[in-house]
Amino acid sequence: MKWNDVRALYPNQWVKLRILNSHKDNGYLYIDDMEILKIISDDKEATLELTHSTGNSIVFHTSHDVIKTKLIKNLGLFRRISN
């Protein structure tokens, strides 16, 4: 399903999606094709769903014209080594 279709079906709502196809450009991941996993009723539930999202699932609000997320480089773990 395309983002415009999701926005038309569920205007001004939070949705949990599975990313089926995406591409990277200028430090962003643009989602091209998706599957709706869940329609979310409020902000509190959206936050909870987001914290439980793993792998290729994402929570996004349909008020956005474009569905994209900023790519963050994994910096790994840091720890202090005592002398």
PDB file of N, CA and C in Angstrom:
ATOM      1  N   MET A   1       0.842  -1.164   0.000  1.00  0.00           N
ATOM      2  CA  MET A   1       0.000   0.000   0.000  1.00  0.00           C
ATOM      3  C   MET A   1       0.898   1.242   0.000  1.00  0.00           C
ATOM      4  N   LYS A   2       0.467   2.275  -0.657  1.00  0.00           N
ATOM      5  CA  LYS A   2       1.206   3.531  -0.731  1.00  0.00           C
ATOM      6  C   LYS A   2       0.724   4.489   0.355  1.00  0.00           C
ATOM      7  N   TRP A   3       1.599   5.435   0.737  1.00  0.00           N
ATOM      8  CA  TRP A   3       1.297   6.377   1.821  1.00  0.00           C
ATOM      9  C   TRP A   3       0.063   7.227   1.515  1.00  0.00           C
ATOM     10  N   ASN A   4      -0.114   7.658   0.271  1.00  0.00           N
ATOM     11  CA  ASN A   4      -1.298   8.447  -0.076  1.00  0.00           C
ATOM     12  C   ASN A   4      -2.582   7.669   0.162  1.00  0.00           C
ATOM     13  N   ASP A   5      -2.558   6.363  -0.097  1.00  0.00           N
ATOM     14  CA  ASP A   5      -3.731   5.517   0.153  1.00  0.00           C
ATOM     15  C   ASP A   5      -4.025   5.406   1.648  1.00  0.00           C
ATOM     16  N   VAL A   6      -2.968   5.240   2.451  1.00  0.00           N
ATOM     17  CA  VAL A   6      -3.136   5.154   3.912  1.00  0.00           C
ATOM     18  C   VAL A   6      -3.721   6.459   4.438  1.00  0.00           C
ATOM     19  N   ARG A   7      -3.195   7.587   3.969  1.00  0.00           N
ATOM     20  CA  ARG A   7      -3.683   8.901   4.403  1.00  0.00           C
ATOM     21  C   ARG A   7      -5.149   9.106   4.030  1.00  0.00           C
ATOM     22  N   ALA A   8      -5.558   8.626   2.859  1.00  0.00           N
ATOM     23  CA  ALA A   8      -6.948   8.772   2.410  1.00  0.00           C
ATOM     24  C   ALA A   8      -7.897   7.912   3.248  1.00  0.00           C
ATOM     25  N   LEU A   9      -7.453   6.697   3.583  1.00  0.00           N
ATOM     26  CA  LEU A   9      -8.287   5.783   4.369  1.00  0.00           C
ATOM     27  C   LEU A   9      -8.387   6.179   5.847  1.00  0.00           C
ATOM     28  N   TYR A  10      -7.293   6.708   6.401  1.00  0.00           N
ATOM     29  CA  TYR A  10      -7.213   7.007   7.835  1.00  0.00           C
ATOM     30  C   TYR A  10      -6.696   8.427   8.064  1.00  0.00           C
ATOM     31  N   PRO A  11      -7.489   9.445   7.698  1.00  0.00           N
ATOM     32  CA  PRO A  11      -7.013  10.825   7.845  1.00  0.00           C
ATOM     33  C   PRO A  11      -6.824  11.222   9.310  1.00  0.00           C
ATOM     34  N   ASN A  12      -5.735  11.944   9.565  1.00  0.00           N
ATOM     35  CA  ASN A  12      -5.433  12.503  10.881  1.00  0.00           C
ATOM     36  C   ASN A  12      -5.447  11.454  12.003  1.00  0.00           C
ATOM     37  N   GLN A  13      -4.799  10.312  11.754  1.00  0.00           N
ATOM     38  CA  GLN A  13      -4.743   9.229  12.742  1.00  0.00           C
ATOM     39  C   GLN A  13      -3.322   8.671  12.816  1.00  0.00           C
ATOM     40  N   TRP A  14      -3.029   8.054  13.947  1.00  0.00           N
ATOM     41  CA  TRP A  14      -1.782   7.306  14.114  1.00  0.00           C
ATOM     42  C   TRP A  14      -1.976   5.912  13.528  1.00  0.00           C
ATOM     43  N   VAL A  15      -0.966   5.409  12.837  1.00  0.00           N
ATOM     44  CA  VAL A  15      -1.014   4.050  12.288  1.00  0.00           C
ATOM     45  C   VAL A  15       0.314   3.355  12.558  1.00  0.00           C
ATOM     46  N   LYS A  16       0.238   2.061  12.807  1.00  0.00           N
ATOM     47  CA  LYS A  16       1.432   1.238  12.922  1.00  0.00           C
ATOM     48  C   LYS A  16       1.561   0.476  11.609  1.00  0.00           C
ATOM     49  N   LEU A  17       2.746   0.556  11.001  1.00  0.00           N
ATOM     50  CA  LEU A  17       2.964   0.001   9.672  1.00  0.00           C
ATOM     51  C   LEU A  17       4.136  -0.957   9.644  1.00  0.00           C
ATOM     52  N   ARG A  18       4.092  -1.897   8.735  1.00  0.00           N
ATOM     53  CA  ARG A  18       5.244  -2.743   8.426  1.00  0.00           C
ATOM     54  C   ARG A  18       5.828  -2.232   7.117  1.00  0.00           C
ATOM     55  N   ILE A  19       7.114  -1.941   7.117  1.00  0.00           N
ATOM     56  CA  ILE A  19       7.789  -1.438   5.928  1.00  0.00           C
ATOM     57  C   ILE A  19       8.064  -2.618   4.995  1.00  0.00           C
ATOM     58  N   LEU A  20       7.526  -2.534   3.784  1.00  0.00           N
ATOM     59  CA  LEU A  20       7.733  -3.584   2.793  1.00  0.00           C
ATOM     60  C   LEU A  20       8.817  -3.201   1.793  1.00  0.00           C
ATOM     61  N   ASN A  21       8.893  -1.899   1.479  1.00  0.00           N
ATOM     62  CA  ASN A  21       9.890  -1.419   0.523  1.00  0.00           C
ATOM     63  C   ASN A  21      10.234   0.026   0.875  1.00  0.00           C
ATOM     64  N   SER A  22      11.526   0.355   0.801  1.00  0.00           N
ATOM     65  CA  SER A  22      11.970   1.711   1.140  1.00  0.00           C
ATOM     66  C   SER A  22      13.240   2.039   0.373  1.00  0.00           C
ATOM     67  N   HIS A  23      13.618   3.320   0.427  1.00  0.00           N
ATOM     68  CA  HIS A  23      14.883   3.740  -0.166  1.00  0.00           C
ATOM     69  C   HIS A  23      15.496   4.839   0.690  1.00  0.00           C
ATOM     70  N   LYS A  24      16.824   4.999   0.583  1.00  0.00           N
ATOM     71  CA  LYS A  24      17.557   6.001   1.353  1.00  0.00           C
ATOM     72  C   LYS A  24      17.950   7.148   0.431  1.00  0.00           C
ATOM     73  N   ASP A  25      17.862   8.369   0.986  1.00  0.00           N
ATOM     74  CA  ASP A  25      18.270   9.542   0.231  1.00  0.00           C
ATOM     75  C   ASP A  25      18.571  10.686   1.189  1.00  0.00           C
ATOM     76  N   ASN A  26      19.758  11.265   1.079  1.00  0.00           N
ATOM     77  CA  ASN A  26      20.159  12.435   1.886  1.00  0.00           C
ATOM     78  C   ASN A  26      19.960  12.244   3.383  1.00  0.00           C
ATOM     79  N   GLY A  27      20.309  11.078   3.902  1.00  0.00           N
ATOM     80  CA  GLY A  27      20.221  10.832   5.332  1.00  0.00           C
ATOM     81  C   GLY A  27      18.837  10.466   5.842  1.00  0.00           C
ATOM     82  N   TYR A  28      17.902  10.218   4.946  1.00  0.00           N
ATOM     83  CA  TYR A  28      16.545   9.830   5.329  1.00  0.00           C
ATOM     84  C   TYR A  28      16.181   8.486   4.715  1.00  0.00           C
ATOM     85  N   LEU A  29      15.310   7.759   5.405  1.00  0.00           N
ATOM     86  CA  LEU A  29      14.723   6.536   4.878  1.00  0.00           C
ATOM     87  C   LEU A  29      13.304   6.882   4.458  1.00  0.00           C
ATOM     88  N   TYR A  30      13.016   6.760   3.173  1.00  0.00           N
ATOM     89  CA  TYR A  30      11.683   7.018   2.627  1.00  0.00           C
ATOM     90  C   TYR A  30      10.971   5.680   2.454  1.00  0.00           C
ATOM     91  N   ILE A  31       9.764   5.575   2.991  1.00  0.00           N
ATOM     92  CA  ILE A  31       9.018   4.322   2.908  1.00  0.00           C
ATOM     93  C   ILE A  31       8.130   4.374   1.673  1.00  0.00           C
ATOM     94  N   ASP A  32       8.352   3.435   0.761  1.00  0.00           N
ATOM     95  CA  ASP A  32       7.644   3.411  -0.519  1.00  0.00           C
ATOM     96  C   ASP A  32       6.395   2.530  -0.484  1.00  0.00           C
ATOM     97  N   ASP A  33       6.481   1.402   0.194  1.00  0.00           N
ATOM     98  CA  ASP A  33       5.368   0.447   0.226  1.00  0.00           C
ATOM     99  C   ASP A  33       5.241  -0.086   1.642  1.00  0.00           C
ATOM    100  N   MET A  34       4.009  -0.216   2.132  1.00  0.00           N
ATOM    101  CA  MET A  34       3.784  -0.594   3.526  1.00  0.00           C
ATOM    102  C   MET A  34       2.521  -1.420   3.684  1.00  0.00           C
ATOM    103  N   GLU A  35       2.436  -2.058   4.841  1.00  0.00           N
ATOM    104  CA  GLU A  35       1.264  -2.838   5.232  1.00  0.00           C
ATOM    105  C   GLU A  35       0.776  -2.267   6.563  1.00  0.00           C
ATOM    106  N   ILE A  36      -0.528  -2.026   6.668  1.00  0.00           N
ATOM    107  CA  ILE A  36      -1.086  -1.505   7.918  1.00  0.00           C
ATOM    108  C   ILE A  36      -1.192  -2.643   8.925  1.00  0.00           C
ATOM    109  N   LEU A  37      -0.585  -2.445  10.089  1.00  0.00           N
ATOM    110  CA  LEU A  37      -0.668  -3.430  11.163  1.00  0.00           C
ATOM    111  C   LEU A  37      -1.766  -3.074  12.166  1.00  0.00           C
ATOM    112  N   LYS A  38      -1.924  -1.759  12.428  1.00  0.00           N
ATOM    113  CA  LYS A  38      -2.869  -1.353  13.464  1.00  0.00           C
ATOM    114  C   LYS A  38      -3.207   0.119  13.318  1.00  0.00           C
ATOM    115  N   ILE A  39      -4.464   0.462  13.549  1.00  0.00           N
ATOM    116  CA  ILE A  39      -4.887   1.852  13.648  1.00  0.00           C
ATOM    117  C   ILE A  39      -4.870   2.195  15.133  1.00  0.00           C
ATOM    118  N   ILE A  40      -4.258   3.317  15.469  1.00  0.00           N
ATOM    119  CA  ILE A  40      -4.041   3.674  16.868  1.00  0.00           C
ATOM    120  C   ILE A  40      -4.952   4.831  17.246  1.00  0.00           C
ATOM    121  N   SER A  41      -5.605   4.700  18.395  1.00  0.00           N
ATOM    122  CA  SER A  41      -6.666   5.640  18.764  1.00  0.00           C
ATOM    123  C   SER A  41      -6.201   6.963  19.367  1.00  0.00           C
ATOM    124  N   ASP A  42      -5.062   6.980  20.075  1.00  0.00           N
ATOM    125  CA  ASP A  42      -4.653   8.228  20.727  1.00  0.00           C
ATOM    126  C   ASP A  42      -3.134   8.311  20.877  1.00  0.00           C
ATOM    127  N   ASP A  43      -2.668   9.478  21.340  1.00  0.00           N
ATOM    128  CA  ASP A  43      -1.225   9.724  21.466  1.00  0.00           C
ATOM    129  C   ASP A  43      -0.556   8.777  22.456  1.00  0.00           C
ATOM    130  N   LYS A  44      -1.234   8.496  23.553  1.00  0.00           N
ATOM    131  CA  LYS A  44      -0.655   7.617  24.577  1.00  0.00           C
ATOM    132  C   LYS A  44      -0.432   6.213  24.017  1.00  0.00           C
ATOM    133  N   GLU A  45      -1.422   5.697  23.315  1.00  0.00           N
ATOM    134  CA  GLU A  45      -1.291   4.364  22.706  1.00  0.00           C
ATOM    135  C   GLU A  45      -0.216   4.377  21.615  1.00  0.00           C
ATOM    136  N   ALA A  46      -0.118   5.493  20.867  1.00  0.00           N
ATOM    137  CA  ALA A  46       0.898   5.606  19.819  1.00  0.00           C
ATOM    138  C   ALA A  46       2.299   5.527  20.419  1.00  0.00           C
ATOM    139  N   THR A  47       2.500   6.194  21.563  1.00  0.00           N
ATOM    140  CA  THR A  47       3.795   6.147  22.241  1.00  0.00           C
ATOM    141  C   THR A  47       4.117   4.728  22.682  1.00  0.00           C
ATOM    142  N   LEU A  48       3.139   4.046  23.247  1.00  0.00           N
ATOM    143  CA  LEU A  48       3.330   2.671  23.694  1.00  0.00           C
ATOM    144  C   LEU A  48       3.666   1.756  22.517  1.00  0.00           C
ATOM    145  N   GLU A  49       2.938   1.897  21.422  1.00  0.00           N
ATOM    146  CA  GLU A  49       3.196   1.072  20.229  1.00  0.00           C
ATOM    147  C   GLU A  49       4.587   1.362  19.659  1.00  0.00           C
ATOM    148  N   LEU A  50       4.983   2.627  19.684  1.00  0.00           N
ATOM    149  CA  LEU A  50       6.294   2.991  19.165  1.00  0.00           C
ATOM    150  C   LEU A  50       7.409   2.340  19.972  1.00  0.00           C
ATOM    151  N   THR A  51       7.262   2.313  21.293  1.00  0.00           N
ATOM    152  CA  THR A  51       8.289   1.692  22.130  1.00  0.00           C
ATOM    153  C   THR A  51       8.358   0.184  21.928  1.00  0.00           C
ATOM    154  N   HIS A  52       7.291  -0.415  21.433  1.00  0.00           N
ATOM    155  CA  HIS A  52       7.263  -1.856  21.179  1.00  0.00           C
ATOM    156  C   HIS A  52       7.559  -2.202  19.719  1.00  0.00           C
ATOM    157  N   SER A  53       7.816  -1.193  18.895  1.00  0.00           N
ATOM    158  CA  SER A  53       8.095  -1.429  17.477  1.00  0.00           C
ATOM    159  C   SER A  53       9.538  -1.892  17.301  1.00  0.00           C
ATOM    160  N   THR A  54       9.714  -2.951  16.561  1.00  0.00           N
ATOM    161  CA  THR A  54      11.054  -3.473  16.288  1.00  0.00           C
ATOM    162  C   THR A  54      11.173  -3.803  14.800  1.00  0.00           C
ATOM    163  N   GLY A  55      12.398  -3.974  14.369  1.00  0.00           N
ATOM    164  CA  GLY A  55      12.628  -4.403  12.991  1.00  0.00           C
ATOM    165  C   GLY A  55      12.076  -3.429  11.979  1.00  0.00           C
ATOM    166  N   ASN A  56      11.198  -3.903  11.143  1.00  0.00           N
ATOM    167  CA  ASN A  56      10.685  -3.083  10.058  1.00  0.00           C
ATOM    168  C   ASN A  56       9.284  -2.523  10.323  1.00  0.00           C
ATOM    169  N   SER A  57       8.940  -2.283  11.581  1.00  0.00           N
ATOM    170  CA  SER A  57       7.662  -1.642  11.887  1.00  0.00           C
ATOM    171  C   SER A  57       7.901  -0.219  12.373  1.00  0.00           C
ATOM    172  N   ILE A  58       6.919   0.649  12.100  1.00  0.00           N
ATOM    173  CA  ILE A  58       7.030   2.065  12.427  1.00  0.00           C
ATOM    174  C   ILE A  58       5.646   2.596  12.795  1.00  0.00           C
ATOM    175  N   VAL A  59       5.608   3.586  13.664  1.00  0.00           N
ATOM    176  CA  VAL A  59       4.368   4.280  14.012  1.00  0.00           C
ATOM    177  C   VAL A  59       4.473   5.686  13.434  1.00  0.00           C
ATOM    178  N   PHE A  60       3.441   6.116  12.710  1.00  0.00           N
ATOM    179  CA  PHE A  60       3.501   7.401  12.029  1.00  0.00           C
ATOM    180  C   PHE A  60       2.110   8.018  11.990  1.00  0.00           C
ATOM    181  N   HIS A  61       2.040   9.352  11.961  1.00  0.00           N
ATOM    182  CA  HIS A  61       0.755  10.063  11.913  1.00  0.00           C
ATOM    183  C   HIS A  61       0.453  10.452  10.470  1.00  0.00           C
ATOM    184  N   THR A  62      -0.782  10.256  10.044  1.00  0.00           N
ATOM    185  CA  THR A  62      -1.151  10.485   8.650  1.00  0.00           C
ATOM    186  C   THR A  62      -1.279  11.967   8.286  1.00  0.00           C
ATOM    187  N   SER A  63      -1.031  12.864   9.220  1.00  0.00           N
ATOM    188  CA  SER A  63      -1.046  14.293   8.888  1.00  0.00           C
ATOM    189  C   SER A  63       0.181  14.694   8.065  1.00  0.00           C
ATOM    190  N   HIS A  64       1.207  13.849   8.037  1.00  0.00           N
ATOM    191  CA  HIS A  64       2.425  14.127   7.272  1.00  0.00           C
ATOM    192  C   HIS A  64       2.225  13.801   5.796  1.00  0.00           C
ATOM    193  N   ASP A  65       2.686  14.702   4.925  1.00  0.00           N
ATOM    194  CA  ASP A  65       2.562  14.491   3.482  1.00  0.00           C
ATOM    195  C   ASP A  65       3.446  13.360   2.980  1.00  0.00           C
ATOM    196  N   VAL A  66       4.631  13.239   3.576  1.00  0.00           N
ATOM    197  CA  VAL A  66       5.618  12.242   3.153  1.00  0.00           C
ATOM    198  C   VAL A  66       5.987  11.398   4.364  1.00  0.00           C
ATOM    199  N   ILE A  67       6.148  10.109   4.154  1.00  0.00           N
ATOM    200  CA  ILE A  67       6.558   9.235   5.254  1.00  0.00           C
ATOM    201  C   ILE A  67       8.055   8.964   5.122  1.00  0.00           C
ATOM    202  N   LYS A  68       8.809   9.559   6.049  1.00  0.00           N
ATOM    203  CA  LYS A  68      10.261   9.393   6.057  1.00  0.00           C
ATOM    204  C   LYS A  68      10.743   9.475   7.494  1.00  0.00           C
ATOM    205  N   THR A  69      11.919   8.920   7.727  1.00  0.00           N
ATOM    206  CA  THR A  69      12.533   8.982   9.046  1.00  0.00           C
ATOM    207  C   THR A  69      14.020   9.239   8.878  1.00  0.00           C
ATOM    208  N   LYS A  70      14.582  10.017   9.764  1.00  0.00           N
ATOM    209  CA  LYS A  70      16.001  10.361   9.690  1.00  0.00           C
ATOM    210  C   LYS A  70      16.833   9.141  10.083  1.00  0.00           C
ATOM    211  N   LEU A  71      17.848   8.854   9.300  1.00  0.00           N
ATOM    212  CA  LEU A  71      18.752   7.750   9.597  1.00  0.00           C
ATOM    213  C   LEU A  71      19.800   8.220  10.596  1.00  0.00           C
ATOM    214  N   ILE A  72      19.998   7.442  11.624  1.00  0.00           N
ATOM    215  CA  ILE A  72      20.985   7.754  12.652  1.00  0.00           C
ATOM    216  C   ILE A  72      22.031   6.663  12.643  1.00  0.00           C
ATOM    217  N   LYS A  73      23.289   7.064  12.561  1.00  0.00           N
ATOM    218  CA  LYS A  73      24.363   6.080  12.568  1.00  0.00           C
ATOM    219  C   LYS A  73      24.470   5.433  13.940  1.00  0.00           C
ATOM    220  N   ASN A  74      24.670   4.141  13.958  1.00  0.00           N
ATOM    221  CA  ASN A  74      24.853   3.414  15.207  1.00  0.00           C
ATOM    222  C   ASN A  74      26.258   3.705  15.714  1.00  0.00           C
ATOM    223  N   LEU A  75      26.337   4.363  16.854  1.00  0.00           N
ATOM    224  CA  LEU A  75      27.630   4.730  17.403  1.00  0.00           C
ATOM    225  C   LEU A  75      28.209   3.659  18.299  1.00  0.00           C
ATOM    226  N   GLY A  76      27.451   2.625  18.557  1.00  0.00           N
ATOM    227  CA  GLY A  76      27.921   1.538  19.403  1.00  0.00           C
ATOM    228  C   GLY A  76      27.828   1.881  20.872  1.00  0.00           C
ATOM    229  N   LEU A  77      28.440   1.067  21.685  1.00  0.00           N
ATOM    230  CA  LEU A  77      28.396   1.271  23.127  1.00  0.00           C
ATOM    231  C   LEU A  77      29.636   2.022  23.594  1.00  0.00           C
ATOM    232  N   PHE A  78      29.430   2.897  24.502  1.00  0.00           N
ATOM    233  CA  PHE A  78      30.545   3.634  25.109  1.00  0.00           C
ATOM    234  C   PHE A  78      30.641   3.254  26.565  1.00  0.00           C
ATOM    235  N   ARG A  79      31.823   3.111  27.030  1.00  0.00           N
ATOM    236  CA  ARG A  79      32.002   2.876  28.480  1.00  0.00           C
ATOM    237  C   ARG A  79      33.296   3.515  28.906  1.00  0.00           C
ATOM    238  N   ARG A  80      33.317   3.881  30.128  1.00  0.00           N
ATOM    239  CA  ARG A  80      34.497   4.537  30.682  1.00  0.00           C
ATOM    240  C   ARG A  80      35.429   3.457  31.211  1.00  0.00           C
ATOM    241  N   ILE A  81      36.676   3.557  30.843  1.00  0.00           N
ATOM    242  CA  ILE A  81      37.674   2.605  31.335  1.00  0.00           C
ATOM    243  C   ILE A  81      38.464   3.283  32.446  1.00  0.00           C
ATOM    244  N   SER A  82      38.431   2.697  33.643  1.00  0.00           N
ATOM    245  CA  SER A  82      39.160   3.304  34.767  1.00  0.00           C
ATOM    246  C   SER A  82      40.654   3.073  34.641  1.00  0.00           C
ATOM    247  N   ASN A  83      41.386   4.035  35.114  1.00  0.00           N
ATOM    248  CA  ASN A  83      42.851   3.954  35.056  1.00  0.00           C
ATOM    249  C   ASN A  83      43.404   3.304  36.301  1.00  0.00           C
TER     250      ASN A  83
END
